[in-house]
C-alpha atoms as a PDB file:
ATOM      1  CA  MET A   1      26.891 -15.644  52.262  1.00  0.00           C
ATOM      2  CA  ASP A   2      24.852 -13.829  54.888  1.00  0.00           C
ATOM      3  CA  LEU A   3      25.303 -14.476  58.654  1.00  0.00           C
ATOM      4  CA  TYR A   4      22.486 -13.750  61.061  1.00  0.00           C
ATOM      5  CA  ILE A   5      23.363 -13.647  64.850  1.00  0.00           C
ATOM      6  CA  VAL A   6      20.269 -13.921  67.185  1.00  0.00           C
ATOM      7  CA  ARG A   7      20.464 -13.716  70.793  1.00  0.00           C
ATOM      8  CA  HIS A   8      18.409 -16.160  72.861  1.00  0.00           C
ATOM      9  CA  GLY A   9      15.127 -15.003  74.173  1.00  0.00           C
ATOM     10  CA  GLU A  10      14.455 -14.003  77.754  1.00  0.00           C
ATOM     11  CA  ALA A  11      15.349 -16.795  80.234  1.00  0.00           C
ATOM     12  CA  LEU A  12      13.855 -17.913  83.472  1.00  0.00           C
ATOM     13  CA  SER A  13      15.131 -16.203  86.430  1.00  0.00           C
ATOM     14  CA  GLY A  14      17.638 -17.898  88.468  1.00  0.00           C
ATOM     15  CA  PRO A  15      21.397 -18.462  88.727  1.00  0.00           C
ATOM     16  CA  VAL A  16      23.414 -17.816  85.632  1.00  0.00           C
ATOM     17  CA  ASP A  17      24.052 -21.155  84.223  1.00  0.00           C
ATOM     18  CA  ALA A  18      23.834 -23.138  81.035  1.00  0.00           C
ATOM     19  CA  ALA A  19      20.618 -24.982  82.108  1.00  0.00           C
ATOM     20  CA  ARG A  20      18.342 -21.957  82.422  1.00  0.00           C
ATOM     21  CA  GLN A  21      15.350 -22.451  79.844  1.00  0.00           C
ATOM     22  CA  LEU A  22      13.467 -19.683  77.974  1.00  0.00           C
ATOM     23  CA  SER A  23      10.637 -18.086  79.821  1.00  0.00           C
ATOM     24  CA  ASP A  24       7.104 -17.992  78.110  1.00  0.00           C
ATOM     25  CA  HIS A  25       7.920 -14.387  77.275  1.00  0.00           C
ATOM     26  CA  GLY A  26      11.220 -15.339  75.766  1.00  0.00           C
ATOM     27  CA  ARG A  27       9.558 -17.895  73.577  1.00  0.00           C
ATOM     28  CA  ARG A  28       7.070 -15.316  72.317  1.00  0.00           C
ATOM     29  CA  GLU A  29      10.113 -13.030  71.616  1.00  0.00           C
ATOM     30  CA  VAL A  30      11.887 -15.768  69.671  1.00  0.00           C
ATOM     31  CA  ASN A  31       8.812 -16.583  67.598  1.00  0.00           C
ATOM     32  CA  ALA A  32       8.201 -12.869  66.726  1.00  0.00           C
ATOM     33  CA  VAL A  33      11.878 -12.568  65.525  1.00  0.00           C
ATOM     34  CA  ALA A  34      11.445 -15.789  63.467  1.00  0.00           C
ATOM     35  CA  GLU A  35       8.259 -14.569  61.925  1.00  0.00           C
ATOM     36  CA  VAL A  36       9.943 -11.176  60.936  1.00  0.00           C
ATOM     37  CA  LEU A  37      12.827 -12.991  59.406  1.00  0.00           C
ATOM     38  CA  ARG A  38      10.383 -15.210  57.408  1.00  0.00           C
ATOM     39  CA  ALA A  39       8.487 -12.276  56.308  1.00  0.00           C
ATOM     40  CA  ARG A  40      11.629 -10.739  54.969  1.00  0.00           C
ATOM     41  CA  GLY A  41      12.321 -13.613  52.952  1.00  0.00           C
ATOM     42  CA  VAL A  42      15.138 -14.847  54.967  1.00  0.00           C
ATOM     43  CA  SER A  43      16.235 -18.421  54.403  1.00  0.00           C
ATOM     44  CA  VAL A  44      18.962 -20.430  56.243  1.00  0.00           C
ATOM     45  CA  ARG A  45      20.931 -23.596  55.372  1.00  0.00           C
ATOM     46  CA  GLN A  46      21.854 -24.308  58.884  1.00  0.00           C
ATOM     47  CA  ILE A  47      21.456 -22.939  62.564  1.00  0.00           C
ATOM     48  CA  ARG A  48      24.196 -23.253  64.966  1.00  0.00           C
ATOM     49  CA  HIS A  49      23.972 -22.480  68.735  1.00  0.00           C
ATOM     50  CA  SER A  50      25.886 -22.822  71.987  1.00  0.00           C
ATOM     51  CA  GLY A  51      25.377 -25.532  74.499  1.00  0.00           C
ATOM     52  CA  TYR A  52      23.078 -23.390  76.697  1.00  0.00           C
ATOM     53  CA  GLU A  53      19.560 -24.753  77.079  1.00  0.00           C
ATOM     54  CA  ARG A  54      17.995 -21.360  76.150  1.00  0.00           C
ATOM     55  CA  ALA A  55      20.183 -21.188  73.014  1.00  0.00           C
ATOM     56  CA  ARG A  56      19.125 -24.554  71.875  1.00  0.00           C
ATOM     57  CA  ASP A  57      15.518 -23.773  72.540  1.00  0.00           C
ATOM     58  CA  THR A  58      15.934 -20.392  70.554  1.00  0.00           C
ATOM     59  CA  ALA A  59      17.641 -22.329  67.595  1.00  0.00           C
ATOM     60  CA  SER A  60      14.842 -24.956  67.674  1.00  0.00           C
ATOM     61  CA  LEU A  61      11.944 -22.293  67.620  1.00  0.00           C
ATOM     62  CA  ILE A  62      13.637 -20.409  64.749  1.00  0.00           C
ATOM     63  CA  GLY A  63      14.221 -23.569  62.917  1.00  0.00           C
ATOM     64  CA  THR A  64      10.486 -24.523  63.177  1.00  0.00           C
ATOM     65  CA  VAL A  65       9.637 -21.281  61.452  1.00  0.00           C
ATOM     66  CA  LEU A  66      12.491 -20.990  58.849  1.00  0.00           C
ATOM     67  CA  ASP A  67      12.590 -24.698  58.205  1.00  0.00           C
ATOM     68  CA  PRO A  68      16.318 -25.158  57.067  1.00  0.00           C
ATOM     69  CA  PRO A  69      17.227 -28.269  55.026  1.00  0.00           C
END
């Protein structure tokens, strides 16, 4: 089993809290990472994330590209 740990993309500026979302730049960063993973043939069975909004958004963007079952 392989485990991939991906940090969320750049978040919007503001107080450090769980509700900060990804910035547009952060979304582009995450999409670029997801495309690299797909190009390298990475497949995943599941994606887990913390309860932070930016982590959930990151997981969702990666899931869109890698399409786990």
